[in-house]
Amino acid sequence: MDNEFDFAYHGQRRKVYVRSVKNSDLPEDLQIETNGFDKIYAIHSEDGEQLALVKDRELAFAVARTNDFVPESVH
């Protein structure tokens, strides 16, 4: 068999962290793209890398779960 197997994650679900982000804290070009939302939600990997920005918390959790991650809130 020549199938790749990721032993690091076998039997484990990877965590991501969801946190709110103020629109004013985003770069100017992203502020324009947020369509006037006061805040949006960022999804970060365990090592802090920003993976995605979405319009609301519910969507952030759905995106994480759809991609086989376990989301956790960060305040």
C-alpha atoms as a PDB file:
ATOM      1  CA  MET A   1       0.000   0.000   0.000  1.00  0.00           C
ATOM      2  CA  ASP A   2       1.275   3.424  -0.930  1.00  0.00           C
ATOM      3  CA  ASN A   3      -1.306   5.496   0.936  1.00  0.00           C
ATOM      4  CA  GLU A   4      -0.120   8.408   3.045  1.00  0.00           C
ATOM      5  CA  PHE A   5      -1.170   8.279   6.683  1.00  0.00           C
ATOM      6  CA  ASP A   6      -0.908  11.221   9.034  1.00  0.00           C
ATOM      7  CA  PHE A   7      -0.021   9.584  12.345  1.00  0.00           C
ATOM      8  CA  ALA A   8       0.027  12.919  14.178  1.00  0.00           C
ATOM      9  CA  TYR A   9      -3.747  13.289  13.865  1.00  0.00           C
ATOM     10  CA  HIS A  10      -4.943   9.691  13.792  1.00  0.00           C
ATOM     11  CA  GLY A  11      -7.774   9.327  16.259  1.00  0.00           C
ATOM     12  CA  GLN A  12      -7.563  12.993  17.224  1.00  0.00           C
ATOM     13  CA  ARG A  13      -9.436  16.020  16.040  1.00  0.00           C
ATOM     14  CA  ARG A  14      -7.416  19.158  15.566  1.00  0.00           C
ATOM     15  CA  LYS A  15      -8.438  22.271  17.484  1.00  0.00           C
ATOM     16  CA  VAL A  16      -8.977  25.729  16.105  1.00  0.00           C
ATOM     17  CA  TYR A  17      -9.767  28.871  18.015  1.00  0.00           C
ATOM     18  CA  VAL A  18     -12.552  31.298  17.194  1.00  0.00           C
ATOM     19  CA  ARG A  19     -12.402  34.904  18.327  1.00  0.00           C
ATOM     20  CA  SER A  20     -14.144  38.136  17.481  1.00  0.00           C
ATOM     21  CA  VAL A  21     -12.219  40.843  15.677  1.00  0.00           C
ATOM     22  CA  LYS A  22     -13.213  44.510  15.539  1.00  0.00           C
ATOM     23  CA  ASN A  23     -13.533  45.827  12.027  1.00  0.00           C
ATOM     24  CA  SER A  24     -11.346  48.786  13.007  1.00  0.00           C
ATOM     25  CA  ASP A  25      -8.494  46.374  13.898  1.00  0.00           C
ATOM     26  CA  LEU A  26      -8.383  44.968  10.370  1.00  0.00           C
ATOM     27  CA  PRO A  27      -6.221  46.301   7.530  1.00  0.00           C
ATOM     28  CA  GLU A  28      -8.036  48.978   5.531  1.00  0.00           C
ATOM     29  CA  ASP A  29      -8.581  46.774   2.475  1.00  0.00           C
ATOM     30  CA  LEU A  30     -10.281  44.116   4.630  1.00  0.00           C
ATOM     31  CA  GLN A  31     -12.407  46.717   6.419  1.00  0.00           C
ATOM     32  CA  ILE A  32     -13.947  47.573   3.057  1.00  0.00           C
ATOM     33  CA  GLU A  33     -14.696  43.907   2.329  1.00  0.00           C
ATOM     34  CA  THR A  34     -16.543  43.337   5.632  1.00  0.00           C
ATOM     35  CA  ASN A  35     -19.579  45.253   4.347  1.00  0.00           C
ATOM     36  CA  GLY A  36     -19.852  47.475   7.402  1.00  0.00           C
ATOM     37  CA  PHE A  37     -19.932  44.760  10.082  1.00  0.00           C
ATOM     38  CA  ASP A  38     -18.711  46.115  13.440  1.00  0.00           C
ATOM     39  CA  LYS A  39     -16.996  42.822  14.156  1.00  0.00           C
ATOM     40  CA  ILE A  40     -16.263  39.587  12.377  1.00  0.00           C
ATOM     41  CA  TYR A  41     -14.833  36.273  13.558  1.00  0.00           C
ATOM     42  CA  ALA A  42     -11.391  34.847  12.950  1.00  0.00           C
ATOM     43  CA  ILE A  43     -10.506  31.165  12.943  1.00  0.00           C
ATOM     44  CA  HIS A  44      -6.959  30.435  14.107  1.00  0.00           C
ATOM     45  CA  SER A  45      -4.910  27.240  14.166  1.00  0.00           C
ATOM     46  CA  GLU A  46      -3.361  25.953  17.389  1.00  0.00           C
ATOM     47  CA  ASP A  47      -0.111  27.753  16.531  1.00  0.00           C
ATOM     48  CA  GLY A  48      -1.917  31.077  16.018  1.00  0.00           C
ATOM     49  CA  GLU A  49      -2.049  31.179  12.231  1.00  0.00           C
ATOM     50  CA  GLN A  50      -5.193  32.917  10.965  1.00  0.00           C
ATOM     51  CA  LEU A  51      -7.032  30.470   8.737  1.00  0.00           C
ATOM     52  CA  ALA A  52     -10.225  32.349   7.913  1.00  0.00           C
ATOM     53  CA  LEU A  53     -12.388  35.390   8.566  1.00  0.00           C
ATOM     54  CA  VAL A  54     -16.170  34.980   8.588  1.00  0.00           C
ATOM     55  CA  LYS A  55     -19.168  37.195   9.289  1.00  0.00           C
ATOM     56  CA  ASP A  56     -20.471  35.560  12.483  1.00  0.00           C
ATOM     57  CA  ARG A  57     -19.649  33.125  15.271  1.00  0.00           C
ATOM     58  CA  GLU A  58     -22.105  30.463  14.131  1.00  0.00           C
ATOM     59  CA  LEU A  59     -20.540  30.400  10.678  1.00  0.00           C
ATOM     60  CA  ALA A  60     -17.042  30.201  12.177  1.00  0.00           C
ATOM     61  CA  PHE A  61     -17.990  27.069  14.117  1.00  0.00           C
ATOM     62  CA  ALA A  62     -19.685  25.547  11.069  1.00  0.00           C
ATOM     63  CA  VAL A  63     -16.648  26.200   8.863  1.00  0.00           C
ATOM     64  CA  ALA A  64     -14.339  24.653  11.462  1.00  0.00           C
ATOM     65  CA  ARG A  65     -16.457  21.516  11.862  1.00  0.00           C
ATOM     66  CA  THR A  66     -16.904  21.141   8.103  1.00  0.00           C
ATOM     67  CA  ASN A  67     -13.119  21.029   7.812  1.00  0.00           C
ATOM     68  CA  ASP A  68     -12.706  18.422  10.577  1.00  0.00           C
ATOM     69  CA  PHE A  69     -11.574  20.837  13.267  1.00  0.00           C
ATOM     70  CA  VAL A  70     -12.866  21.188  16.812  1.00  0.00           C
ATOM     71  CA  PRO A  71     -13.637  24.875  17.391  1.00  0.00           C
ATOM     72  CA  GLU A  72     -13.145  26.581  20.751  1.00  0.00           C
ATOM     73  CA  SER A  73     -14.034  30.146  21.690  1.00  0.00           C
ATOM     74  CA  VAL A  74     -11.325  32.558  22.728  1.00  0.00           C
ATOM     75  CA  HIS A  75     -12.313  35.755  24.480  1.00  0.00           C
END
